[in-house]
């Protein structure tokens, strides 16, 4: 699975692609610093104070908060053409597990 993020914290805005979810989360941490001047931990403290709950081991709360401000999703290969599909990448990652089948 290929994940993408449109990084509008860069000039010009740039599409970044990743092959793993943890790699994407690490990149989003850098975007958080550029966009909000906050580390992931600082951002999560703010989100928790606003009632969003704590972050789990898969960074769901953090990633979804970043998805509220930045476009991200998966890259699908349709008939040989790579197309971006905006979606919840935390759910897309979850459904890659073998127990969900093909």
PDB file of N, CA and C in Angstrom:
ATOM      1  N   UNK A   1       0.854  -1.171   0.000  1.00  0.00           N
ATOM      2  CA  UNK A   1       0.000   0.000   0.000  1.00  0.00           C
ATOM      3  C   UNK A   1       0.899   1.233   0.000  1.00  0.00           C
ATOM      4  N   UNK A   2       0.529   2.184  -0.811  1.00  0.00           N
ATOM      5  CA  UNK A   2       1.249   3.452  -0.875  1.00  0.00           C
ATOM      6  C   UNK A   2       0.341   4.533  -0.280  1.00  0.00           C
ATOM      7  N   UNK A   3       0.877   5.269   0.681  1.00  0.00           N
ATOM      8  CA  UNK A   3       0.150   6.366   1.320  1.00  0.00           C
ATOM      9  C   UNK A   3       0.701   7.679   0.790  1.00  0.00           C
ATOM     10  N   UNK A   4      -0.142   8.684   0.740  1.00  0.00           N
ATOM     11  CA  UNK A   4       0.338  10.001   0.301  1.00  0.00           C
ATOM     12  C   UNK A   4      -0.136  11.082   1.267  1.00  0.00           C
ATOM     13  N   UNK A   5       0.615  12.169   1.299  1.00  0.00           N
ATOM     14  CA  UNK A   5       0.275  13.362   2.066  1.00  0.00           C
ATOM     15  C   UNK A   5       0.602  14.559   1.178  1.00  0.00           C
ATOM     16  N   UNK A   6      -0.322  15.500   1.083  1.00  0.00           N
ATOM     17  CA  UNK A   6      -0.031  16.761   0.398  1.00  0.00           C
ATOM     18  C   UNK A   6       0.460  17.721   1.475  1.00  0.00           C
ATOM     19  N   UNK A   7       1.737  18.032   1.409  1.00  0.00           N
ATOM     20  CA  UNK A   7       2.372  18.869   2.424  1.00  0.00           C
ATOM     21  C   UNK A   7       2.297  20.328   2.002  1.00  0.00           C
ATOM     22  N   UNK A   8       1.326  21.040   2.563  1.00  0.00           N
ATOM     23  CA  UNK A   8       1.165  22.462   2.245  1.00  0.00           C
ATOM     24  C   UNK A   8       2.010  23.343   3.156  1.00  0.00           C
ATOM     25  N   UNK A   9       2.805  22.728   4.040  1.00  0.00           N
ATOM     26  CA  UNK A   9       3.728  23.521   4.855  1.00  0.00           C
ATOM     27  C   UNK A   9       4.982  23.864   4.062  1.00  0.00           C
ATOM     28  N   UNK A  10       5.139  23.257   2.895  1.00  0.00           N
ATOM     29  CA  UNK A  10       6.278  23.534   2.016  1.00  0.00           C
ATOM     30  C   UNK A  10       5.825  24.450   0.890  1.00  0.00           C
ATOM     31  N   UNK A  11       6.773  25.201   0.330  1.00  0.00           N
ATOM     32  CA  UNK A  11       6.488  26.054  -0.812  1.00  0.00           C
ATOM     33  C   UNK A  11       7.324  25.576  -1.980  1.00  0.00           C
ATOM     34  N   UNK A  12       6.718  25.135  -3.059  1.00  0.00           N
ATOM     35  CA  UNK A  12       5.286  24.949  -3.277  1.00  0.00           C
ATOM     36  C   UNK A  12       4.785  23.703  -2.536  1.00  0.00           C
ATOM     37  N   UNK A  13       3.463  23.590  -2.349  1.00  0.00           N
ATOM     38  CA  UNK A  13       2.916  22.381  -1.730  1.00  0.00           C
ATOM     39  C   UNK A  13       3.387  21.145  -2.500  1.00  0.00           C
ATOM     40  N   UNK A  14       3.751  20.111  -1.755  1.00  0.00           N
ATOM     41  CA  UNK A  14       4.391  18.942  -2.350  1.00  0.00           C
ATOM     42  C   UNK A  14       3.697  17.664  -1.916  1.00  0.00           C
ATOM     43  N   UNK A  15       3.526  16.747  -2.865  1.00  0.00           N
ATOM     44  CA  UNK A  15       2.997  15.428  -2.533  1.00  0.00           C
ATOM     45  C   UNK A  15       4.150  14.547  -2.062  1.00  0.00           C
ATOM     46  N   UNK A  16       3.956  13.898  -0.924  1.00  0.00           N
ATOM     47  CA  UNK A  16       4.928  12.942  -0.392  1.00  0.00           C
ATOM     48  C   UNK A  16       4.260  11.578  -0.372  1.00  0.00           C
ATOM     49  N   UNK A  17       5.015  10.548  -0.758  1.00  0.00           N
ATOM     50  CA  UNK A  17       4.482   9.177  -0.752  1.00  0.00           C
ATOM     51  C   UNK A  17       5.299   8.315   0.194  1.00  0.00           C
ATOM     52  N   UNK A  18       4.616   7.364   0.819  1.00  0.00           N
ATOM     53  CA  UNK A  18       5.231   6.496   1.817  1.00  0.00           C
ATOM     54  C   UNK A  18       4.746   5.064   1.617  1.00  0.00           C
ATOM     55  N   UNK A  19       5.600   4.118   1.959  1.00  0.00           N
ATOM     56  CA  UNK A  19       5.230   2.710   1.813  1.00  0.00           C
ATOM     57  C   UNK A  19       4.778   2.089   3.128  1.00  0.00           C
ATOM     58  N   UNK A  20       4.993   2.795   4.248  1.00  0.00           N
ATOM     59  CA  UNK A  20       4.550   2.261   5.538  1.00  0.00           C
ATOM     60  C   UNK A  20       3.830   3.337   6.331  1.00  0.00           C
ATOM     61  N   UNK A  21       2.930   2.895   7.181  1.00  0.00           N
ATOM     62  CA  UNK A  21       2.183   3.803   8.043  1.00  0.00           C
ATOM     63  C   UNK A  21       3.098   4.501   9.059  1.00  0.00           C
ATOM     64  N   UNK A  22       4.008   3.769   9.736  1.00  0.00           N
ATOM     65  CA  UNK A  22       4.900   4.450  10.689  1.00  0.00           C
ATOM     66  C   UNK A  22       5.758   5.537  10.032  1.00  0.00           C
ATOM     67  N   UNK A  23       6.191   5.303   8.814  1.00  0.00           N
ATOM     68  CA  UNK A  23       6.968   6.308   8.079  1.00  0.00           C
ATOM     69  C   UNK A  23       6.115   7.561   7.844  1.00  0.00           C
ATOM     70  N   UNK A  24       4.845   7.372   7.536  1.00  0.00           N
ATOM     71  CA  UNK A  24       3.925   8.486   7.322  1.00  0.00           C
ATOM     72  C   UNK A  24       3.739   9.279   8.613  1.00  0.00           C
ATOM     73  N   UNK A  25       3.564   8.573   9.737  1.00  0.00           N
ATOM     74  CA  UNK A  25       3.388   9.240  11.031  1.00  0.00           C
ATOM     75  C   UNK A  25       4.611  10.085  11.366  1.00  0.00           C
ATOM     76  N   UNK A  26       5.802   9.548  11.129  1.00  0.00           N
ATOM     77  CA  UNK A  26       7.032  10.321  11.397  1.00  0.00           C
ATOM     78  C   UNK A  26       7.065  11.596  10.560  1.00  0.00           C
ATOM     79  N   UNK A  27       6.653  11.504   9.300  1.00  0.00           N
ATOM     80  CA  UNK A  27       6.638  12.684   8.449  1.00  0.00           C
ATOM     81  C   UNK A  27       5.616  13.705   8.960  1.00  0.00           C
ATOM     82  N   UNK A  28       4.446  13.223   9.389  1.00  0.00           N
ATOM     83  CA  UNK A  28       3.414  14.116   9.916  1.00  0.00           C
ATOM     84  C   UNK A  28       3.898  14.844  11.167  1.00  0.00           C
ATOM     85  N   UNK A  29       4.760  14.202  11.943  1.00  0.00           N
ATOM     86  CA  UNK A  29       5.323  14.872  13.124  1.00  0.00           C
ATOM     87  C   UNK A  29       6.115  16.106  12.704  1.00  0.00           C
ATOM     88  N   UNK A  30       6.876  16.003  11.633  1.00  0.00           N
ATOM     89  CA  UNK A  30       7.612  17.154  11.112  1.00  0.00           C
ATOM     90  C   UNK A  30       6.675  18.227  10.571  1.00  0.00           C
ATOM     91  N   UNK A  31       5.606  17.796   9.923  1.00  0.00           N
ATOM     92  CA  UNK A  31       4.621  18.754   9.420  1.00  0.00           C
ATOM     93  C   UNK A  31       3.959  19.502  10.562  1.00  0.00           C
ATOM     94  N   UNK A  32       3.709  18.817  11.670  1.00  0.00           N
ATOM     95  CA  UNK A  32       3.100  19.450  12.838  1.00  0.00           C
ATOM     96  C   UNK A  32       4.000  20.563  13.362  1.00  0.00           C
ATOM     97  N   UNK A  33       5.297  20.315  13.374  1.00  0.00           N
ATOM     98  CA  UNK A  33       6.239  21.350  13.829  1.00  0.00           C
ATOM     99  C   UNK A  33       6.208  22.559  12.890  1.00  0.00           C
ATOM    100  N   UNK A  34       6.173  22.294  11.573  1.00  0.00           N
ATOM    101  CA  UNK A  34       6.161  23.395  10.617  1.00  0.00           C
ATOM    102  C   UNK A  34       4.821  24.133  10.623  1.00  0.00           C
ATOM    103  N   UNK A  35       3.721  23.406  10.715  1.00  0.00           N
ATOM    104  CA  UNK A  35       2.399  24.025  10.614  1.00  0.00           C
ATOM    105  C   UNK A  35       1.965  24.708  11.904  1.00  0.00           C
ATOM    106  N   UNK A  36       2.227  24.066  13.037  1.00  0.00           N
ATOM    107  CA  UNK A  36       1.689  24.554  14.305  1.00  0.00           C
ATOM    108  C   UNK A  36       2.761  24.971  15.310  1.00  0.00           C
ATOM    109  N   UNK A  37       4.026  24.698  14.983  1.00  0.00           N
ATOM    110  CA  UNK A  37       5.095  24.990  15.930  1.00  0.00           C
ATOM    111  C   UNK A  37       5.034  24.078  17.152  1.00  0.00           C
ATOM    112  N   UNK A  38       4.425  22.907  16.973  1.00  0.00           N
ATOM    113  CA  UNK A  38       4.245  21.967  18.082  1.00  0.00           C
ATOM    114  C   UNK A  38       4.792  20.592  17.725  1.00  0.00           C
ATOM    115  N   UNK A  39       5.428  19.974  18.709  1.00  0.00           N
ATOM    116  CA  UNK A  39       5.806  18.580  18.533  1.00  0.00           C
ATOM    117  C   UNK A  39       4.528  17.747  18.588  1.00  0.00           C
ATOM    118  N   UNK A  40       4.643  16.493  18.252  1.00  0.00           N
ATOM    119  CA  UNK A  40       3.474  15.601  18.335  1.00  0.00           C
ATOM    120  C   UNK A  40       2.937  15.562  19.767  1.00  0.00           C
ATOM    121  N   UNK A  41       3.831  15.480  20.728  1.00  0.00           N
ATOM    122  CA  UNK A  41       3.410  15.418  22.127  1.00  0.00           C
ATOM    123  C   UNK A  41       2.658  16.690  22.523  1.00  0.00           C
ATOM    124  N   UNK A  42       3.186  17.849  22.135  1.00  0.00           N
ATOM    125  CA  UNK A  42       2.521  19.119  22.452  1.00  0.00           C
ATOM    126  C   UNK A  42       1.151  19.195  21.773  1.00  0.00           C
ATOM    127  N   UNK A  43       1.079  18.738  20.535  1.00  0.00           N
ATOM    128  CA  UNK A  43      -0.198  18.752  19.802  1.00  0.00           C
ATOM    129  C   UNK A  43      -1.211  17.844  20.492  1.00  0.00           C
ATOM    130  N   UNK A  44      -0.764  16.684  20.960  1.00  0.00           N
ATOM    131  CA  UNK A  44      -1.669  15.748  21.617  1.00  0.00           C
ATOM    132  C   UNK A  44      -2.169  16.303  22.943  1.00  0.00           C
ATOM    133  N   UNK A  45      -1.326  17.022  23.680  1.00  0.00           N
ATOM    134  CA  UNK A  45      -1.773  17.647  24.926  1.00  0.00           C
ATOM    135  C   UNK A  45      -2.902  18.630  24.616  1.00  0.00           C
ATOM    136  N   UNK A  46      -2.726  19.441  23.577  1.00  0.00           N
ATOM    137  CA  UNK A  46      -3.760  20.393  23.172  1.00  0.00           C
ATOM    138  C   UNK A  46      -5.041  19.669  22.768  1.00  0.00           C
ATOM    139  N   UNK A  47      -4.923  18.621  21.964  1.00  0.00           N
ATOM    140  CA  UNK A  47      -6.101  17.877  21.521  1.00  0.00           C
ATOM    141  C   UNK A  47      -6.821  17.224  22.698  1.00  0.00           C
ATOM    142  N   UNK A  48      -6.052  16.698  23.648  1.00  0.00           N
ATOM    143  CA  UNK A  48      -6.659  16.085  24.833  1.00  0.00           C
ATOM    144  C   UNK A  48      -7.413  17.131  25.651  1.00  0.00           C
ATOM    145  N   UNK A  49      -6.834  18.328  25.775  1.00  0.00           N
ATOM    146  CA  UNK A  49      -7.496  19.405  26.515  1.00  0.00           C
ATOM    147  C   UNK A  49      -8.787  19.847  25.824  1.00  0.00           C
ATOM    148  N   UNK A  50      -8.844  19.682  24.497  1.00  0.00           N
ATOM    149  CA  UNK A  50     -10.049  20.046  23.737  1.00  0.00           C
ATOM    150  C   UNK A  50     -11.070  18.909  23.710  1.00  0.00           C
ATOM    151  N   UNK A  51     -10.756  17.791  24.366  1.00  0.00           N
ATOM    152  CA  UNK A  51     -11.708  16.699  24.477  1.00  0.00           C
ATOM    153  C   UNK A  51     -11.610  15.617  23.428  1.00  0.00           C
ATOM    154  N   UNK A  52     -10.491  15.563  22.699  1.00  0.00           N
ATOM    155  CA  UNK A  52     -10.345  14.546  21.662  1.00  0.00           C
ATOM    156  C   UNK A  52      -9.855  13.205  22.190  1.00  0.00           C
ATOM    157  N   UNK A  53      -9.541  13.104  23.453  1.00  0.00           N
ATOM    158  CA  UNK A  53      -9.058  11.840  24.004  1.00  0.00           C
ATOM    159  C   UNK A  53      -7.569  11.671  23.808  1.00  0.00           C
ATOM    160  N   UNK A  54      -7.061  10.588  24.359  1.00  0.00           N
ATOM    161  CA  UNK A  54      -5.629  10.322  24.293  1.00  0.00           C
ATOM    162  C   UNK A  54      -5.266   9.675  22.962  1.00  0.00           C
ATOM    163  N   UNK A  55      -3.986   9.637  22.661  1.00  0.00           N
ATOM    164  CA  UNK A  55      -3.499   8.991  21.447  1.00  0.00           C
ATOM    165  C   UNK A  55      -3.138   7.554  21.775  1.00  0.00           C
ATOM    166  N   UNK A  56      -3.447   6.649  20.886  1.00  0.00           N
ATOM    167  CA  UNK A  56      -3.114   5.243  21.111  1.00  0.00           C
ATOM    168  C   UNK A  56      -1.801   4.877  20.435  1.00  0.00           C
ATOM    169  N   UNK A  57      -1.441   3.621  20.490  1.00  0.00           N
ATOM    170  CA  UNK A  57      -0.156   3.179  19.938  1.00  0.00           C
ATOM    171  C   UNK A  57      -0.084   3.330  18.423  1.00  0.00           C
ATOM    172  N   UNK A  58      -1.221   3.384  17.742  1.00  0.00           N
ATOM    173  CA  UNK A  58      -1.220   3.548  16.286  1.00  0.00           C
ATOM    174  C   UNK A  58      -1.361   5.005  15.850  1.00  0.00           C
ATOM    175  N   UNK A  59      -1.306   5.926  16.800  1.00  0.00           N
ATOM    176  CA  UNK A  59      -1.339   7.365  16.501  1.00  0.00           C
ATOM    177  C   UNK A  59      -2.624   7.809  15.817  1.00  0.00           C
ATOM    178  N   UNK A  60      -3.720   7.131  16.077  1.00  0.00           N
ATOM    179  CA  UNK A  60      -4.975   7.423  15.389  1.00  0.00           C
ATOM    180  C   UNK A  60      -5.433   8.856  15.616  1.00  0.00           C
ATOM    181  N   UNK A  61      -5.458   9.314  16.859  1.00  0.00           N
ATOM    182  CA  UNK A  61      -5.934  10.669  17.148  1.00  0.00           C
ATOM    183  C   UNK A  61      -5.055  11.710  16.476  1.00  0.00           C
ATOM    184  N   UNK A  62      -3.736  11.543  16.569  1.00  0.00           N
ATOM    185  CA  UNK A  62      -2.808  12.485  15.951  1.00  0.00           C
ATOM    186  C   UNK A  62      -2.994  12.523  14.436  1.00  0.00           C
ATOM    187  N   UNK A  63      -3.020  11.362  13.798  1.00  0.00           N
ATOM    188  CA  UNK A  63      -3.131  11.302  12.338  1.00  0.00           C
ATOM    189  C   UNK A  63      -4.460  11.890  11.873  1.00  0.00           C
ATOM    190  N   UNK A  64      -5.541  11.557  12.559  1.00  0.00           N
ATOM    191  CA  UNK A  64      -6.846  12.096  12.157  1.00  0.00           C
ATOM    192  C   UNK A  64      -6.908  13.610  12.356  1.00  0.00           C
ATOM    193  N   UNK A  65      -6.236  14.130  13.378  1.00  0.00           N
ATOM    194  CA  UNK A  65      -6.218  15.582  13.561  1.00  0.00           C
ATOM    195  C   UNK A  65      -5.454  16.254  12.427  1.00  0.00           C
ATOM    196  N   UNK A  66      -4.390  15.619  11.965  1.00  0.00           N
ATOM    197  CA  UNK A  66      -3.635  16.169  10.842  1.00  0.00           C
ATOM    198  C   UNK A  66      -4.445  16.058   9.550  1.00  0.00           C
ATOM    199  N   UNK A  67      -5.241  14.984   9.427  1.00  0.00           N
ATOM    200  CA  UNK A  67      -6.068  14.808   8.226  1.00  0.00           C
ATOM    201  C   UNK A  67      -7.165  15.855   8.141  1.00  0.00           C
ATOM    202  N   UNK A  68      -7.526  16.447   9.282  1.00  0.00           N
ATOM    203  CA  UNK A  68      -8.514  17.528   9.260  1.00  0.00           C
ATOM    204  C   UNK A  68      -7.976  18.759   8.540  1.00  0.00           C
ATOM    205  N   UNK A  69      -6.659  18.942   8.536  1.00  0.00           N
ATOM    206  CA  UNK A  69      -6.046  20.132   7.953  1.00  0.00           C
ATOM    207  C   UNK A  69      -5.295  19.873   6.648  1.00  0.00           C
ATOM    208  N   UNK A  70      -4.885  18.626   6.432  1.00  0.00           N
ATOM    209  CA  UNK A  70      -4.050  18.305   5.267  1.00  0.00           C
ATOM    210  C   UNK A  70      -4.644  17.114   4.518  1.00  0.00           C
ATOM    211  N   UNK A  71      -4.534  17.145   3.204  1.00  0.00           N
ATOM    212  CA  UNK A  71      -5.035  16.030   2.398  1.00  0.00           C
ATOM    213  C   UNK A  71      -4.085  14.849   2.501  1.00  0.00           C
ATOM    214  N   UNK A  72      -4.662  13.675   2.737  1.00  0.00           N
ATOM    215  CA  UNK A  72      -3.883  12.445   2.755  1.00  0.00           C
ATOM    216  C   UNK A  72      -4.778  11.274   2.402  1.00  0.00           C
ATOM    217  N   UNK A  73      -4.169  10.198   1.960  1.00  0.00           N
ATOM    218  CA  UNK A  73      -4.928   9.011   1.582  1.00  0.00           C
ATOM    219  C   UNK A  73      -4.021   7.944   1.022  1.00  0.00           C
ATOM    220  N   UNK A  74      -4.569   7.122   0.133  1.00  0.00           N
ATOM    221  CA  UNK A  74      -3.809   6.038  -0.481  1.00  0.00           C
ATOM    222  C   UNK A  74      -3.703   6.286  -1.979  1.00  0.00           C
ATOM    223  N   UNK A  75      -2.675   5.687  -2.568  1.00  0.00           N
ATOM    224  CA  UNK A  75      -2.500   5.744  -4.017  1.00  0.00           C
ATOM    225  C   UNK A  75      -2.954   4.399  -4.561  1.00  0.00           C
ATOM    226  N   UNK A  76      -3.930   4.419  -5.460  1.00  0.00           N
ATOM    227  CA  UNK A  76      -4.463   3.197  -6.059  1.00  0.00           C
ATOM    228  C   UNK A  76      -3.995   3.109  -7.490  1.00  0.00           C
ATOM    229  N   UNK A  77      -3.695   1.913  -7.916  1.00  0.00           N
ATOM    230  CA  UNK A  77      -3.295   1.689  -9.293  1.00  0.00           C
ATOM    231  C   UNK A  77      -4.513   1.194 -10.055  1.00  0.00           C
ATOM    232  N   UNK A  78      -5.108   2.088 -10.846  1.00  0.00           N
ATOM    233  CA  UNK A  78      -6.285   1.751 -11.650  1.00  0.00           C
ATOM    234  C   UNK A  78      -5.874   1.652 -13.110  1.00  0.00           C
ATOM    235  N   UNK A  79      -5.866   0.423 -13.615  1.00  0.00           N
ATOM    236  CA  UNK A  79      -5.514   0.181 -15.023  1.00  0.00           C
ATOM    237  C   UNK A  79      -4.170   0.809 -15.385  1.00  0.00           C
ATOM    238  N   UNK A  80      -3.203   0.665 -14.491  1.00  0.00           N
ATOM    239  CA  UNK A  80      -1.858   1.167 -14.753  1.00  0.00           C
ATOM    240  C   UNK A  80      -1.656   2.634 -14.449  1.00  0.00           C
ATOM    241  N   UNK A  81      -2.691   3.306 -13.963  1.00  0.00           N
ATOM    242  CA  UNK A  81      -2.585   4.728 -13.641  1.00  0.00           C
ATOM    243  C   UNK A  81      -2.691   4.891 -12.126  1.00  0.00           C
ATOM    244  N   UNK A  82      -1.697   5.535 -11.532  1.00  0.00           N
ATOM    245  CA  UNK A  82      -1.732   5.801 -10.093  1.00  0.00           C
ATOM    246  C   UNK A  82      -2.661   6.970  -9.810  1.00  0.00           C
ATOM    247  N   UNK A  83      -3.664   6.716  -8.977  1.00  0.00           N
ATOM    248  CA  UNK A  83      -4.632   7.757  -8.623  1.00  0.00           C
ATOM    249  C   UNK A  83      -4.688   7.906  -7.110  1.00  0.00           C
ATOM    250  N   UNK A  84      -4.712   9.153  -6.668  1.00  0.00           N
ATOM    251  CA  UNK A  84      -4.845   9.419  -5.235  1.00  0.00           C
ATOM    252  C   UNK A  84      -6.297   9.237  -4.823  1.00  0.00           C
ATOM    253  N   UNK A  85      -6.491   8.618  -3.666  1.00  0.00           N
ATOM    254  CA  UNK A  85      -7.828   8.459  -3.102  1.00  0.00           C
ATOM    255  C   UNK A  85      -7.777   8.938  -1.655  1.00  0.00           C
ATOM    256  N   UNK A  86      -8.389  10.076  -1.416  1.00  0.00           N
ATOM    257  CA  UNK A  86      -8.405  10.639  -0.069  1.00  0.00           C
ATOM    258  C   UNK A  86      -9.211   9.704   0.832  1.00  0.00           C
ATOM    259  N   UNK A  87      -8.637   9.354   1.968  1.00  0.00           N
ATOM    260  CA  UNK A  87      -9.329   8.461   2.892  1.00  0.00           C
ATOM    261  C   UNK A  87      -8.669   8.544   4.265  1.00  0.00           C
ATOM    262  N   UNK A  88      -9.259   7.847   5.217  1.00  0.00           N
ATOM    263  CA  UNK A  88      -8.709   7.741   6.564  1.00  0.00           C
ATOM    264  C   UNK A  88      -7.586   6.704   6.528  1.00  0.00           C
ATOM    265  N   UNK A  89      -6.344   7.164   6.559  1.00  0.00           N
ATOM    266  CA  UNK A  89      -5.233   6.226   6.408  1.00  0.00           C
ATOM    267  C   UNK A  89      -5.088   5.308   7.611  1.00  0.00           C
ATOM    268  N   UNK A  90      -5.600   5.697   8.767  1.00  0.00           N
ATOM    269  CA  UNK A  90      -5.535   4.798   9.926  1.00  0.00           C
ATOM    270  C   UNK A  90      -6.421   3.587   9.689  1.00  0.00           C
ATOM    271  N   UNK A  91      -7.593   3.778   9.101  1.00  0.00           N
ATOM    272  CA  UNK A  91      -8.470   2.648   8.769  1.00  0.00           C
ATOM    273  C   UNK A  91      -7.885   1.826   7.636  1.00  0.00           C
ATOM    274  N   UNK A  92      -7.324   2.492   6.633  1.00  0.00           N
ATOM    275  CA  UNK A  92      -6.709   1.766   5.517  1.00  0.00           C
ATOM    276  C   UNK A  92      -5.589   0.871   6.021  1.00  0.00           C
ATOM    277  N   UNK A  93      -4.800   1.358   6.965  1.00  0.00           N
ATOM    278  CA  UNK A  93      -3.717   0.559   7.547  1.00  0.00           C
ATOM    279  C   UNK A  93      -4.280  -0.630   8.317  1.00  0.00           C
ATOM    280  N   UNK A  94      -5.325  -0.395   9.090  1.00  0.00           N
ATOM    281  CA  UNK A  94      -5.942  -1.460   9.869  1.00  0.00           C
ATOM    282  C   UNK A  94      -6.421  -2.600   8.976  1.00  0.00           C
ATOM    283  N   UNK A  95      -7.059  -2.271   7.870  1.00  0.00           N
ATOM    284  CA  UNK A  95      -7.634  -3.291   7.001  1.00  0.00           C
ATOM    285  C   UNK A  95      -6.597  -4.002   6.135  1.00  0.00           C
ATOM    286  N   UNK A  96      -5.324  -3.680   6.284  1.00  0.00           N
ATOM    287  CA  UNK A  96      -4.257  -4.404   5.588  1.00  0.00           C
ATOM    288  C   UNK A  96      -3.878  -5.681   6.328  1.00  0.00           C
ATOM    289  N   UNK A  97      -4.349  -5.842   7.550  1.00  0.00           N
ATOM    290  CA  UNK A  97      -4.016  -7.023   8.352  1.00  0.00           C
ATOM    291  C   UNK A  97      -4.621  -8.269   7.725  1.00  0.00           C
ATOM    292  N   UNK A  98      -3.908  -9.387   7.865  1.00  0.00           N
ATOM    293  CA  UNK A  98      -4.315 -10.630   7.214  1.00  0.00           C
ATOM    294  C   UNK A  98      -5.688 -11.119   7.654  1.00  0.00           C
ATOM    295  N   UNK A  99      -6.096 -10.816   8.870  1.00  0.00           N
ATOM    296  CA  UNK A  99      -7.405 -11.305   9.337  1.00  0.00           C
ATOM    297  C   UNK A  99      -8.576 -10.694   8.577  1.00  0.00           C
ATOM    298  N   UNK A 100      -8.337  -9.614   7.824  1.00  0.00           N
ATOM    299  CA  UNK A 100      -9.396  -9.011   7.039  1.00  0.00           C
ATOM    300  C   UNK A 100      -9.459  -9.574   5.627  1.00  0.00           C
ATOM    301  N   UNK A 101      -8.521 -10.432   5.255  1.00  0.00           N
ATOM    302  CA  UNK A 101      -8.526 -11.062   3.920  1.00  0.00           C
ATOM    303  C   UNK A 101      -8.168 -10.085   2.828  1.00  0.00           C
ATOM    304  N   UNK A 102      -8.456 -10.491   1.591  1.00  0.00           N
ATOM    305  CA  UNK A 102      -8.135  -9.658   0.427  1.00  0.00           C
ATOM    306  C   UNK A 102      -9.209  -8.647   0.215  1.00  0.00           C
TER     307      UNK A 102
END
